[in-house]
PDB file of N, CA and C in Angstrom:
ATOM      1  N   UNK A   1     -27.307 -15.266 -51.934  1.00  0.00           N
ATOM      2  CA  UNK A   1     -26.994 -14.910 -53.291  1.00  0.00           C
ATOM      3  C   UNK A   1     -25.669 -14.165 -53.283  1.00  0.00           C
ATOM      4  N   UNK A   2     -24.837 -14.454 -54.253  1.00  0.00           N
ATOM      5  CA  UNK A   2     -23.541 -13.804 -54.374  1.00  0.00           C
ATOM      6  C   UNK A   2     -23.632 -12.775 -55.495  1.00  0.00           C
ATOM      7  N   UNK A   3     -23.543 -11.497 -55.160  1.00  0.00           N
ATOM      8  CA  UNK A   3     -23.627 -10.410 -56.136  1.00  0.00           C
ATOM      9  C   UNK A   3     -22.230  -9.861 -56.391  1.00  0.00           C
ATOM     10  N   UNK A   4     -21.866  -9.716 -57.655  1.00  0.00           N
ATOM     11  CA  UNK A   4     -20.555  -9.199 -58.028  1.00  0.00           C
ATOM     12  C   UNK A   4     -20.720  -7.950 -58.879  1.00  0.00           C
ATOM     13  N   UNK A   5     -19.893  -6.945 -58.618  1.00  0.00           N
ATOM     14  CA  UNK A   5     -19.919  -5.695 -59.366  1.00  0.00           C
ATOM     15  C   UNK A   5     -18.649  -5.620 -60.217  1.00  0.00           C
ATOM     16  N   UNK A   6     -18.788  -5.779 -61.523  1.00  0.00           N
ATOM     17  CA  UNK A   6     -17.638  -5.712 -62.432  1.00  0.00           C
ATOM     18  C   UNK A   6     -17.367  -4.296 -62.912  1.00  0.00           C
ATOM     19  N   UNK A   7     -18.216  -3.352 -62.560  1.00  0.00           N
ATOM     20  CA  UNK A   7     -18.059  -1.964 -63.011  1.00  0.00           C
ATOM     21  C   UNK A   7     -16.948  -1.269 -62.218  1.00  0.00           C
ATOM     22  N   UNK A   8     -16.574  -0.088 -62.696  1.00  0.00           N
ATOM     23  CA  UNK A   8     -15.516   0.679 -62.039  1.00  0.00           C
ATOM     24  C   UNK A   8     -16.069   1.673 -61.022  1.00  0.00           C
ATOM     25  N   UNK A   9     -17.382   1.668 -60.803  1.00  0.00           N
ATOM     26  CA  UNK A   9     -18.009   2.515 -59.787  1.00  0.00           C
ATOM     27  C   UNK A   9     -18.868   1.632 -58.882  1.00  0.00           C
ATOM     28  N   UNK A  10     -19.113   2.117 -57.660  1.00  0.00           N
ATOM     29  CA  UNK A  10     -19.932   1.337 -56.730  1.00  0.00           C
ATOM     30  C   UNK A  10     -21.372   1.244 -57.240  1.00  0.00           C
ATOM     31  N   UNK A  11     -22.113   0.256 -56.720  1.00  0.00           N
ATOM     32  CA  UNK A  11     -23.476   0.035 -57.182  1.00  0.00           C
ATOM     33  C   UNK A  11     -24.395  -0.267 -56.003  1.00  0.00           C
ATOM     34  N   UNK A  12     -25.581   0.315 -56.066  1.00  0.00           N
ATOM     35  CA  UNK A  12     -26.645  -0.047 -55.134  1.00  0.00           C
ATOM     36  C   UNK A  12     -27.466  -1.142 -55.799  1.00  0.00           C
ATOM     37  N   UNK A  13     -27.686  -2.238 -55.096  1.00  0.00           N
ATOM     38  CA  UNK A  13     -28.394  -3.385 -55.668  1.00  0.00           C
ATOM     39  C   UNK A  13     -29.570  -3.744 -54.770  1.00  0.00           C
ATOM     40  N   UNK A  14     -30.717  -3.973 -55.397  1.00  0.00           N
ATOM     41  CA  UNK A  14     -31.897  -4.437 -54.679  1.00  0.00           C
ATOM     42  C   UNK A  14     -32.030  -5.934 -54.946  1.00  0.00           C
ATOM     43  N   UNK A  15     -31.935  -6.738 -53.889  1.00  0.00           N
ATOM     44  CA  UNK A  15     -32.093  -8.185 -53.990  1.00  0.00           C
ATOM     45  C   UNK A  15     -33.517  -8.515 -53.549  1.00  0.00           C
ATOM     46  N   UNK A  16     -34.259  -9.229 -54.396  1.00  0.00           N
ATOM     47  CA  UNK A  16     -35.672  -9.498 -54.149  1.00  0.00           C
ATOM     48  C   UNK A  16     -35.920 -10.997 -54.096  1.00  0.00           C
ATOM     49  N   UNK A  17     -36.605 -11.423 -53.046  1.00  0.00           N
ATOM     50  CA  UNK A  17     -37.091 -12.802 -52.927  1.00  0.00           C
ATOM     51  C   UNK A  17     -38.547 -12.794 -53.352  1.00  0.00           C
ATOM     52  N   UNK A  18     -38.890 -13.571 -54.368  1.00  0.00           N
ATOM     53  CA  UNK A  18     -40.259 -13.600 -54.878  1.00  0.00           C
ATOM     54  C   UNK A  18     -41.200 -14.286 -53.894  1.00  0.00           C
ATOM     55  N   UNK A  19     -42.461 -13.897 -53.925  1.00  0.00           N
ATOM     56  CA  UNK A  19     -43.481 -14.516 -53.086  1.00  0.00           C
ATOM     57  C   UNK A  19     -43.818 -15.901 -53.626  1.00  0.00           C
ATOM     58  N   UNK A  20     -44.077 -16.838 -52.729  1.00  0.00           N
ATOM     59  CA  UNK A  20     -44.461 -18.191 -53.118  1.00  0.00           C
ATOM     60  C   UNK A  20     -45.205 -18.854 -51.968  1.00  0.00           C
ATOM     61  N   UNK A  21     -46.203 -19.678 -52.258  1.00  0.00           N
ATOM     62  CA  UNK A  21     -46.868 -20.428 -51.187  1.00  0.00           C
ATOM     63  C   UNK A  21     -46.013 -21.590 -50.685  1.00  0.00           C
ATOM     64  N   UNK A  22     -44.884 -21.864 -51.346  1.00  0.00           N
ATOM     65  CA  UNK A  22     -44.036 -23.009 -51.003  1.00  0.00           C
ATOM     66  C   UNK A  22     -43.044 -22.735 -49.881  1.00  0.00           C
ATOM     67  N   UNK A  23     -42.833 -21.470 -49.521  1.00  0.00           N
ATOM     68  CA  UNK A  23     -41.868 -21.143 -48.465  1.00  0.00           C
ATOM     69  C   UNK A  23     -42.255 -19.832 -47.790  1.00  0.00           C
ATOM     70  N   UNK A  24     -41.645 -19.622 -46.621  1.00  0.00           N
ATOM     71  CA  UNK A  24     -41.798 -18.373 -45.879  1.00  0.00           C
ATOM     72  C   UNK A  24     -40.410 -17.791 -45.642  1.00  0.00           C
ATOM     73  N   UNK A  25     -40.355 -16.481 -45.515  1.00  0.00           N
ATOM     74  CA  UNK A  25     -39.115 -15.782 -45.217  1.00  0.00           C
ATOM     75  C   UNK A  25     -38.906 -15.773 -43.709  1.00  0.00           C
ATOM     76  N   UNK A  26     -37.676 -16.032 -43.265  1.00  0.00           N
ATOM     77  CA  UNK A  26     -37.340 -16.028 -41.840  1.00  0.00           C
ATOM     78  C   UNK A  26     -36.703 -14.680 -41.507  1.00  0.00           C
ATOM     79  N   UNK A  27     -37.326 -13.929 -40.606  1.00  0.00           N
ATOM     80  CA  UNK A  27     -36.792 -12.635 -40.193  1.00  0.00           C
ATOM     81  C   UNK A  27     -35.658 -12.839 -39.196  1.00  0.00           C
ATOM     82  N   UNK A  28     -34.530 -12.211 -39.461  1.00  0.00           N
ATOM     83  CA  UNK A  28     -33.382 -12.278 -38.568  1.00  0.00           C
ATOM     84  C   UNK A  28     -33.475 -11.086 -37.619  1.00  0.00           C
ATOM     85  N   UNK A  29     -33.454 -11.365 -36.339  1.00  0.00           N
ATOM     86  CA  UNK A  29     -33.635 -10.320 -35.332  1.00  0.00           C
ATOM     87  C   UNK A  29     -32.335  -9.562 -35.073  1.00  0.00           C
ATOM     88  N   UNK A  30     -32.364  -8.673 -34.117  1.00  0.00           N
ATOM     89  CA  UNK A  30     -31.212  -7.851 -33.770  1.00  0.00           C
ATOM     90  C   UNK A  30     -30.014  -8.729 -33.409  1.00  0.00           C
ATOM     91  N   UNK A  31     -28.831  -8.311 -33.825  1.00  0.00           N
ATOM     92  CA  UNK A  31     -27.564  -9.023 -33.609  1.00  0.00           C
ATOM     93  C   UNK A  31     -27.533 -10.378 -34.325  1.00  0.00           C
ATOM     94  N   UNK A  32     -28.368 -10.574 -35.341  1.00  0.00           N
ATOM     95  CA  UNK A  32     -28.358 -11.789 -36.138  1.00  0.00           C
ATOM     96  C   UNK A  32     -28.953 -13.006 -35.457  1.00  0.00           C
ATOM     97  N   UNK A  33     -29.778 -12.803 -34.449  1.00  0.00           N
ATOM     98  CA  UNK A  33     -30.343 -13.932 -33.707  1.00  0.00           C
ATOM     99  C   UNK A  33     -31.655 -14.408 -34.315  1.00  0.00           C
ATOM    100  N   UNK A  34     -31.830 -15.736 -34.324  1.00  0.00           N
ATOM    101  CA  UNK A  34     -33.076 -16.374 -34.744  1.00  0.00           C
ATOM    102  C   UNK A  34     -33.346 -17.508 -33.776  1.00  0.00           C
ATOM    103  N   UNK A  35     -34.520 -17.527 -33.178  1.00  0.00           N
ATOM    104  CA  UNK A  35     -34.880 -18.628 -32.286  1.00  0.00           C
ATOM    105  C   UNK A  35     -35.370 -19.786 -33.152  1.00  0.00           C
ATOM    106  N   UNK A  36     -34.738 -20.926 -33.002  1.00  0.00           N
ATOM    107  CA  UNK A  36     -35.009 -22.038 -33.909  1.00  0.00           C
ATOM    108  C   UNK A  36     -36.453 -22.528 -33.862  1.00  0.00           C
ATOM    109  N   UNK A  37     -37.097 -22.514 -32.704  1.00  0.00           N
ATOM    110  CA  UNK A  37     -38.472 -23.009 -32.613  1.00  0.00           C
ATOM    111  C   UNK A  37     -39.502 -21.895 -32.574  1.00  0.00           C
ATOM    112  N   UNK A  38     -39.060 -20.636 -32.523  1.00  0.00           N
ATOM    113  CA  UNK A  38     -39.986 -19.511 -32.488  1.00  0.00           C
ATOM    114  C   UNK A  38     -39.566 -18.434 -33.485  1.00  0.00           C
ATOM    115  N   UNK A  39     -39.058 -18.823 -34.622  1.00  0.00           N
ATOM    116  CA  UNK A  39     -38.603 -17.854 -35.609  1.00  0.00           C
ATOM    117  C   UNK A  39     -39.792 -17.066 -36.154  1.00  0.00           C
ATOM    118  N   UNK A  40     -39.571 -15.778 -36.335  1.00  0.00           N
ATOM    119  CA  UNK A  40     -40.620 -14.926 -36.905  1.00  0.00           C
ATOM    120  C   UNK A  40     -40.557 -15.073 -38.424  1.00  0.00           C
ATOM    121  N   UNK A  41     -41.651 -15.476 -39.041  1.00  0.00           N
ATOM    122  CA  UNK A  41     -41.695 -15.706 -40.482  1.00  0.00           C
ATOM    123  C   UNK A  41     -42.824 -14.892 -41.098  1.00  0.00           C
ATOM    124  N   UNK A  42     -42.745 -14.697 -42.405  1.00  0.00           N
ATOM    125  CA  UNK A  42     -43.812 -14.018 -43.131  1.00  0.00           C
ATOM    126  C   UNK A  42     -43.752 -14.406 -44.596  1.00  0.00           C
ATOM    127  N   UNK A  43     -44.864 -14.176 -45.281  1.00  0.00           N
ATOM    128  CA  UNK A  43     -44.939 -14.435 -46.712  1.00  0.00           C
ATOM    129  C   UNK A  43     -44.908 -13.111 -47.453  1.00  0.00           C
ATOM    130  N   UNK A  44     -44.799 -13.174 -48.743  1.00  0.00           N
ATOM    131  CA  UNK A  44     -44.794 -11.979 -49.575  1.00  0.00           C
ATOM    132  C   UNK A  44     -43.412 -11.711 -50.142  1.00  0.00           C
ATOM    133  N   UNK A  45     -43.368 -10.786 -51.092  1.00  0.00           N
ATOM    134  CA  UNK A  45     -42.095 -10.417 -51.699  1.00  0.00           C
ATOM    135  C   UNK A  45     -41.249  -9.661 -50.684  1.00  0.00           C
ATOM    136  N   UNK A  46     -39.986 -10.024 -50.579  1.00  0.00           N
ATOM    137  CA  UNK A  46     -39.058  -9.375 -49.647  1.00  0.00           C
ATOM    138  C   UNK A  46     -37.923  -8.737 -50.435  1.00  0.00           C
ATOM    139  N   UNK A  47     -37.529  -7.523 -50.029  1.00  0.00           N
ATOM    140  CA  UNK A  47     -36.460  -6.805 -50.705  1.00  0.00           C
ATOM    141  C   UNK A  47     -35.368  -6.428 -49.719  1.00  0.00           C
ATOM    142  N   UNK A  48     -34.132  -6.469 -50.210  1.00  0.00           N
ATOM    143  CA  UNK A  48     -32.973  -6.092 -49.391  1.00  0.00           C
ATOM    144  C   UNK A  48     -32.079  -5.206 -50.244  1.00  0.00           C
ATOM    145  N   UNK A  49     -31.767  -4.005 -49.757  1.00  0.00           N
ATOM    146  CA  UNK A  49     -30.893  -3.090 -50.473  1.00  0.00           C
ATOM    147  C   UNK A  49     -29.478  -3.249 -49.942  1.00  0.00           C
ATOM    148  N   UNK A  50     -28.525  -3.437 -50.850  1.00  0.00           N
ATOM    149  CA  UNK A  50     -27.131  -3.589 -50.447  1.00  0.00           C
ATOM    150  C   UNK A  50     -26.243  -2.743 -51.355  1.00  0.00           C
ATOM    151  N   UNK A  51     -25.080  -2.394 -50.869  1.00  0.00           N
ATOM    152  CA  UNK A  51     -24.105  -1.595 -51.606  1.00  0.00           C
ATOM    153  C   UNK A  51     -22.921  -2.483 -51.935  1.00  0.00           C
ATOM    154  N   UNK A  52     -22.501  -2.468 -53.199  1.00  0.00           N
ATOM    155  CA  UNK A  52     -21.369  -3.286 -53.631  1.00  0.00           C
ATOM    156  C   UNK A  52     -20.276  -2.360 -54.158  1.00  0.00           C
ATOM    157  N   UNK A  53     -19.061  -2.426 -53.609  1.00  0.00           N
ATOM    158  CA  UNK A  53     -17.991  -1.542 -54.078  1.00  0.00           C
ATOM    159  C   UNK A  53     -17.563  -1.898 -55.509  1.00  0.00           C
ATOM    160  N   UNK A  54     -16.902  -0.951 -56.164  1.00  0.00           N
ATOM    161  CA  UNK A  54     -16.403  -1.174 -57.526  1.00  0.00           C
ATOM    162  C   UNK A  54     -15.459  -2.370 -57.542  1.00  0.00           C
ATOM    163  N   UNK A  55     -15.640  -3.229 -58.526  1.00  0.00           N
ATOM    164  CA  UNK A  55     -14.835  -4.435 -58.693  1.00  0.00           C
ATOM    165  C   UNK A  55     -14.895  -5.347 -57.463  1.00  0.00           C
ATOM    166  N   UNK A  56     -15.977  -5.274 -56.711  1.00  0.00           N
ATOM    167  CA  UNK A  56     -16.119  -6.077 -55.495  1.00  0.00           C
ATOM    168  C   UNK A  56     -17.330  -6.983 -55.561  1.00  0.00           C
ATOM    169  N   UNK A  57     -17.588  -7.651 -54.463  1.00  0.00           N
ATOM    170  CA  UNK A  57     -18.732  -8.545 -54.401  1.00  0.00           C
ATOM    171  C   UNK A  57     -19.325  -8.527 -52.997  1.00  0.00           C
ATOM    172  N   UNK A  58     -20.512  -9.047 -52.892  1.00  0.00           N
ATOM    173  CA  UNK A  58     -21.242  -9.066 -51.629  1.00  0.00           C
ATOM    174  C   UNK A  58     -22.078 -10.345 -51.587  1.00  0.00           C
ATOM    175  N   UNK A  59     -22.089 -11.022 -50.446  1.00  0.00           N
ATOM    176  CA  UNK A  59     -22.946 -12.191 -50.255  1.00  0.00           C
ATOM    177  C   UNK A  59     -24.165 -11.746 -49.470  1.00  0.00           C
ATOM    178  N   UNK A  60     -25.358 -12.059 -49.990  1.00  0.00           N
ATOM    179  CA  UNK A  60     -26.614 -11.716 -49.323  1.00  0.00           C
ATOM    180  C   UNK A  60     -27.293 -13.030 -48.948  1.00  0.00           C
ATOM    181  N   UNK A  61     -27.473 -13.244 -47.648  1.00  0.00           N
ATOM    182  CA  UNK A  61     -28.141 -14.453 -47.172  1.00  0.00           C
ATOM    183  C   UNK A  61     -29.636 -14.211 -47.130  1.00  0.00           C
ATOM    184  N   UNK A  62     -30.389 -15.176 -47.646  1.00  0.00           N
ATOM    185  CA  UNK A  62     -31.845 -15.070 -47.685  1.00  0.00           C
ATOM    186  C   UNK A  62     -32.410 -16.318 -47.018  1.00  0.00           C
ATOM    187  N   UNK A  63     -32.703 -16.239 -45.720  1.00  0.00           N
ATOM    188  CA  UNK A  63     -33.194 -17.437 -45.016  1.00  0.00           C
ATOM    189  C   UNK A  63     -34.675 -17.690 -45.301  1.00  0.00           C
ATOM    190  N   UNK A  64     -34.978 -18.918 -45.686  1.00  0.00           N
ATOM    191  CA  UNK A  64     -36.372 -19.317 -45.924  1.00  0.00           C
ATOM    192  C   UNK A  64     -36.638 -20.623 -45.203  1.00  0.00           C
ATOM    193  N   UNK A  65     -37.931 -20.913 -45.010  1.00  0.00           N
ATOM    194  CA  UNK A  65     -38.349 -22.183 -44.429  1.00  0.00           C
ATOM    195  C   UNK A  65     -39.441 -22.747 -45.329  1.00  0.00           C
ATOM    196  N   UNK A  66     -39.303 -23.990 -45.786  1.00  0.00           N
ATOM    197  CA  UNK A  66     -40.314 -24.559 -46.685  1.00  0.00           C
ATOM    198  C   UNK A  66     -41.620 -24.820 -45.941  1.00  0.00           C
ATOM    199  N   UNK A  67     -42.725 -24.741 -46.679  1.00  0.00           N
ATOM    200  CA  UNK A  67     -44.049 -25.002 -46.095  1.00  0.00           C
ATOM    201  C   UNK A  67     -44.636 -26.325 -46.580  1.00  0.00           C
ATOM    202  N   UNK A  68     -43.893 -27.037 -47.444  1.00  0.00           N
ATOM    203  CA  UNK A  68     -44.369 -28.332 -47.930  1.00  0.00           C
ATOM    204  C   UNK A  68     -43.176 -29.217 -48.256  1.00  0.00           C
ATOM    205  N   UNK A  69     -43.436 -30.499 -48.351  1.00  0.00           N
ATOM    206  CA  UNK A  69     -42.414 -31.455 -48.762  1.00  0.00           C
ATOM    207  C   UNK A  69     -42.447 -31.602 -50.278  1.00  0.00           C
ATOM    208  N   UNK A  70     -41.354 -32.038 -50.852  1.00  0.00           N
ATOM    209  CA  UNK A  70     -41.274 -32.212 -52.303  1.00  0.00           C
ATOM    210  C   UNK A  70     -40.423 -31.121 -52.922  1.00  0.00           C
ATOM    211  N   UNK A  71     -40.630 -30.898 -54.222  1.00  0.00           N
ATOM    212  CA  UNK A  71     -39.850 -29.889 -54.937  1.00  0.00           C
ATOM    213  C   UNK A  71     -40.491 -28.511 -54.798  1.00  0.00           C
ATOM    214  N   UNK A  72     -39.665 -27.504 -54.483  1.00  0.00           N
ATOM    215  CA  UNK A  72     -40.123 -26.122 -54.461  1.00  0.00           C
ATOM    216  C   UNK A  72     -39.192 -25.301 -55.342  1.00  0.00           C
ATOM    217  N   UNK A  73     -39.710 -24.210 -55.890  1.00  0.00           N
ATOM    218  CA  UNK A  73     -38.890 -23.307 -56.695  1.00  0.00           C
ATOM    219  C   UNK A  73     -38.731 -21.992 -55.952  1.00  0.00           C
ATOM    220  N   UNK A  74     -37.487 -21.531 -55.852  1.00  0.00           N
ATOM    221  CA  UNK A  74     -37.173 -20.277 -55.188  1.00  0.00           C
ATOM    222  C   UNK A  74     -36.633 -19.324 -56.247  1.00  0.00           C
ATOM    223  N   UNK A  75     -37.242 -18.127 -56.341  1.00  0.00           N
ATOM    224  CA  UNK A  75     -36.837 -17.126 -57.320  1.00  0.00           C
ATOM    225  C   UNK A  75     -36.238 -15.926 -56.601  1.00  0.00           C
ATOM    226  N   UNK A  76     -34.999 -15.573 -56.974  1.00  0.00           N
ATOM    227  CA  UNK A  76     -34.292 -14.434 -56.395  1.00  0.00           C
ATOM    228  C   UNK A  76     -33.803 -13.554 -57.541  1.00  0.00           C
ATOM    229  N   UNK A  77     -33.987 -12.245 -57.363  1.00  0.00           N
ATOM    230  CA  UNK A  77     -33.596 -11.292 -58.400  1.00  0.00           C
ATOM    231  C   UNK A  77     -32.677 -10.224 -57.794  1.00  0.00           C
ATOM    232  N   UNK A  78     -31.632  -9.859 -58.529  1.00  0.00           N
ATOM    233  CA  UNK A  78     -30.752  -8.753 -58.138  1.00  0.00           C
ATOM    234  C   UNK A  78     -30.831  -7.704 -59.234  1.00  0.00           C
ATOM    235  N   UNK A  79     -31.116  -6.445 -58.827  1.00  0.00           N
ATOM    236  CA  UNK A  79     -31.306  -5.391 -59.822  1.00  0.00           C
ATOM    237  C   UNK A  79     -30.576  -4.122 -59.403  1.00  0.00           C
ATOM    238  N   UNK A  80     -29.807  -3.566 -60.339  1.00  0.00           N
ATOM    239  CA  UNK A  80     -29.151  -2.281 -60.134  1.00  0.00           C
ATOM    240  C   UNK A  80     -29.648  -1.339 -61.224  1.00  0.00           C
ATOM    241  N   UNK A  81     -29.081  -0.128 -61.288  1.00  0.00           N
ATOM    242  CA  UNK A  81     -29.478   0.806 -62.343  1.00  0.00           C
ATOM    243  C   UNK A  81     -28.988   0.364 -63.712  1.00  0.00           C
ATOM    244  N   UNK A  82     -27.979  -0.508 -63.732  1.00  0.00           N
ATOM    245  CA  UNK A  82     -27.366  -0.910 -64.996  1.00  0.00           C
ATOM    246  C   UNK A  82     -27.861  -2.267 -65.486  1.00  0.00           C
ATOM    247  N   UNK A  83     -28.097  -3.174 -64.575  1.00  0.00           N
ATOM    248  CA  UNK A  83     -28.370  -4.556 -64.982  1.00  0.00           C
ATOM    249  C   UNK A  83     -29.307  -5.250 -64.010  1.00  0.00           C
ATOM    250  N   UNK A  84     -29.938  -6.321 -64.509  1.00  0.00           N
ATOM    251  CA  UNK A  84     -30.813  -7.150 -63.686  1.00  0.00           C
ATOM    252  C   UNK A  84     -30.474  -8.610 -63.941  1.00  0.00           C
ATOM    253  N   UNK A  85     -30.459  -9.410 -62.869  1.00  0.00           N
ATOM    254  CA  UNK A  85     -30.198 -10.844 -63.003  1.00  0.00           C
ATOM    255  C   UNK A  85     -31.182 -11.580 -62.115  1.00  0.00           C
ATOM    256  N   UNK A  86     -31.690 -12.699 -62.622  1.00  0.00           N
ATOM    257  CA  UNK A  86     -32.667 -13.485 -61.871  1.00  0.00           C
ATOM    258  C   UNK A  86     -32.260 -14.950 -61.877  1.00  0.00           C
ATOM    259  N   UNK A  87     -32.413 -15.591 -60.721  1.00  0.00           N
ATOM    260  CA  UNK A  87     -32.059 -16.998 -60.572  1.00  0.00           C
ATOM    261  C   UNK A  87     -33.275 -17.740 -60.034  1.00  0.00           C
ATOM    262  N   UNK A  88     -33.601 -18.865 -60.656  1.00  0.00           N
ATOM    263  CA  UNK A  88     -34.670 -19.745 -60.181  1.00  0.00           C
ATOM    264  C   UNK A  88     -34.033 -21.086 -59.859  1.00  0.00           C
ATOM    265  N   UNK A  89     -34.177 -21.523 -58.622  1.00  0.00           N
ATOM    266  CA  UNK A  89     -33.595 -22.797 -58.199  1.00  0.00           C
ATOM    267  C   UNK A  89     -34.693 -23.724 -57.693  1.00  0.00           C
ATOM    268  N   UNK A  90     -34.589 -24.977 -58.107  1.00  0.00           N
ATOM    269  CA  UNK A  90     -35.503 -26.014 -57.626  1.00  0.00           C
ATOM    270  C   UNK A  90     -34.816 -26.719 -56.461  1.00  0.00           C
ATOM    271  N   UNK A  91     -35.517 -26.798 -55.330  1.00  0.00           N
ATOM    272  CA  UNK A  91     -34.973 -27.416 -54.121  1.00  0.00           C
ATOM    273  C   UNK A  91     -35.888 -28.562 -53.714  1.00  0.00           C
ATOM    274  N   UNK A  92     -35.300 -29.719 -53.451  1.00  0.00           N
ATOM    275  CA  UNK A  92     -36.081 -30.864 -52.971  1.00  0.00           C
ATOM    276  C   UNK A  92     -36.081 -30.841 -51.450  1.00  0.00           C
ATOM    277  N   UNK A  93     -37.281 -30.821 -50.868  1.00  0.00           N
ATOM    278  CA  UNK A  93     -37.452 -30.784 -49.415  1.00  0.00           C
ATOM    279  C   UNK A  93     -37.892 -32.172 -48.963  1.00  0.00           C
ATOM    280  N   UNK A  94     -37.114 -32.771 -48.070  1.00  0.00           N
ATOM    281  CA  UNK A  94     -37.432 -34.097 -47.537  1.00  0.00           C
ATOM    282  C   UNK A  94     -37.536 -34.012 -46.021  1.00  0.00           C
ATOM    283  N   UNK A  95     -38.358 -34.866 -45.447  1.00  0.00           N
ATOM    284  CA  UNK A  95     -38.537 -34.892 -43.997  1.00  0.00           C
ATOM    285  C   UNK A  95     -37.337 -35.549 -43.323  1.00  0.00           C
ATOM    286  N   UNK A  96     -37.028 -35.100 -42.109  1.00  0.00           N
ATOM    287  CA  UNK A  96     -35.972 -35.729 -41.321  1.00  0.00           C
ATOM    288  C   UNK A  96     -36.487 -37.029 -40.724  1.00  0.00           C
ATOM    289  N   UNK A  97     -35.588 -37.918 -40.390  1.00  0.00           N
ATOM    290  CA  UNK A  97     -35.963 -39.141 -39.693  1.00  0.00           C
ATOM    291  C   UNK A  97     -36.241 -40.301 -40.622  1.00  0.00           C
ATOM    292  N   UNK A  98     -36.842 -41.326 -40.051  1.00  0.00           N
ATOM    293  CA  UNK A  98     -37.127 -42.558 -40.772  1.00  0.00           C
ATOM    294  C   UNK A  98     -38.612 -42.621 -41.074  1.00  0.00           C
ATOM    295  N   UNK A  99     -38.957 -43.025 -42.292  1.00  0.00           N
ATOM    296  CA  UNK A  99     -40.361 -43.127 -42.672  1.00  0.00           C
ATOM    297  C   UNK A  99     -41.033 -44.244 -41.892  1.00  0.00           C
ATOM    298  N   UNK A 100     -42.225 -43.965 -41.370  1.00  0.00           N
ATOM    299  CA  UNK A 100     -42.965 -44.959 -40.596  1.00  0.00           C
ATOM    300  C   UNK A 100     -44.035 -45.563 -41.498  1.00  0.00           C
ATOM    301  N   UNK A 101     -43.959 -46.884 -41.706  1.00  0.00           N
ATOM    302  CA  UNK A 101     -44.871 -47.548 -42.625  1.00  0.00           C
ATOM    303  C   UNK A 101     -46.132 -48.060 -41.935  1.00  0.00           C
ATOM    304  N   UNK A 102     -46.091 -48.268 -40.629  1.00  0.00           N
ATOM    305  CA  UNK A 102     -47.276 -48.748 -39.916  1.00  0.00           C
ATOM    306  C   UNK A 102     -47.286 -48.168 -38.513  1.00  0.00           C
ATOM    307  N   UNK A 103     -48.426 -48.245 -37.895  1.00  0.00           N
ATOM    308  CA  UNK A 103     -48.590 -47.675 -36.565  1.00  0.00           C
ATOM    309  C   UNK A 103     -49.252 -48.722 -35.674  1.00  0.00           C
ATOM    310  N   UNK A 104     -48.749 -48.911 -34.479  1.00  0.00           N
ATOM    311  CA  UNK A 104     -49.354 -49.853 -33.535  1.00  0.00           C
ATOM    312  C   UNK A 104     -49.793 -49.094 -32.296  1.00  0.00           C
ATOM    313  N   UNK A 105     -50.923 -49.486 -31.768  1.00  0.00           N
ATOM    314  CA  UNK A 105     -51.432 -48.865 -30.556  1.00  0.00           C
ATOM    315  C   UNK A 105     -50.749 -49.475 -29.332  1.00  0.00           C
ATOM    316  N   UNK A 106     -50.557 -48.707 -28.298  1.00  0.00           N
ATOM    317  CA  UNK A 106     -50.010 -49.284 -27.054  1.00  0.00           C
ATOM    318  C   UNK A 106     -50.960 -50.330 -26.495  1.00  0.00           C
ATOM    319  N   UNK A 107     -50.410 -51.313 -25.816  1.00  0.00           N
ATOM    320  CA  UNK A 107     -51.237 -52.417 -25.283  1.00  0.00           C
ATOM    321  C   UNK A 107     -52.271 -51.935 -24.275  1.00  0.00           C
ATOM    322  N   UNK A 108     -52.063 -50.804 -23.625  1.00  0.00           N
ATOM    323  CA  UNK A 108     -53.042 -50.337 -22.647  1.00  0.00           C
ATOM    324  C   UNK A 108     -54.310 -49.818 -23.312  1.00  0.00           C
ATOM    325  N   UNK A 109     -54.306 -49.550 -24.624  1.00  0.00           N
ATOM    326  CA  UNK A 109     -55.481 -49.055 -25.327  1.00  0.00           C
ATOM    327  C   UNK A 109     -56.352 -50.190 -25.827  1.00  0.00           C
ATOM    328  N   UNK A 110     -55.860 -51.400 -25.814  1.00  0.00           N
ATOM    329  CA  UNK A 110     -56.609 -52.528 -26.385  1.00  0.00           C
ATOM    330  C   UNK A 110     -57.482 -53.161 -25.317  1.00  0.00           C
TER     331      UNK A 110
END
């Protein structure tokens, strides 16, 4: 999420990822490392506090992993003492690879 502060003073912003059964949050470990096949994930609402300088902006990365194929909705909210903004995005999740229409048994099983 890209947060921008148009005010003339700095702002503390709480960025919140809403809970959903459609995805899990991926925890980023120390030094920004994530093991691709052993990533630590969890469900539930997640919050991140960030500081944005006056007339500045900040990019907040929110890594998620889908738990189902098809369309999922991701809700992210940014809230400061002055204002609140919420974004809902629909993401289509498709499987990698080629769809298999039939299955054949190896000849040794027959």
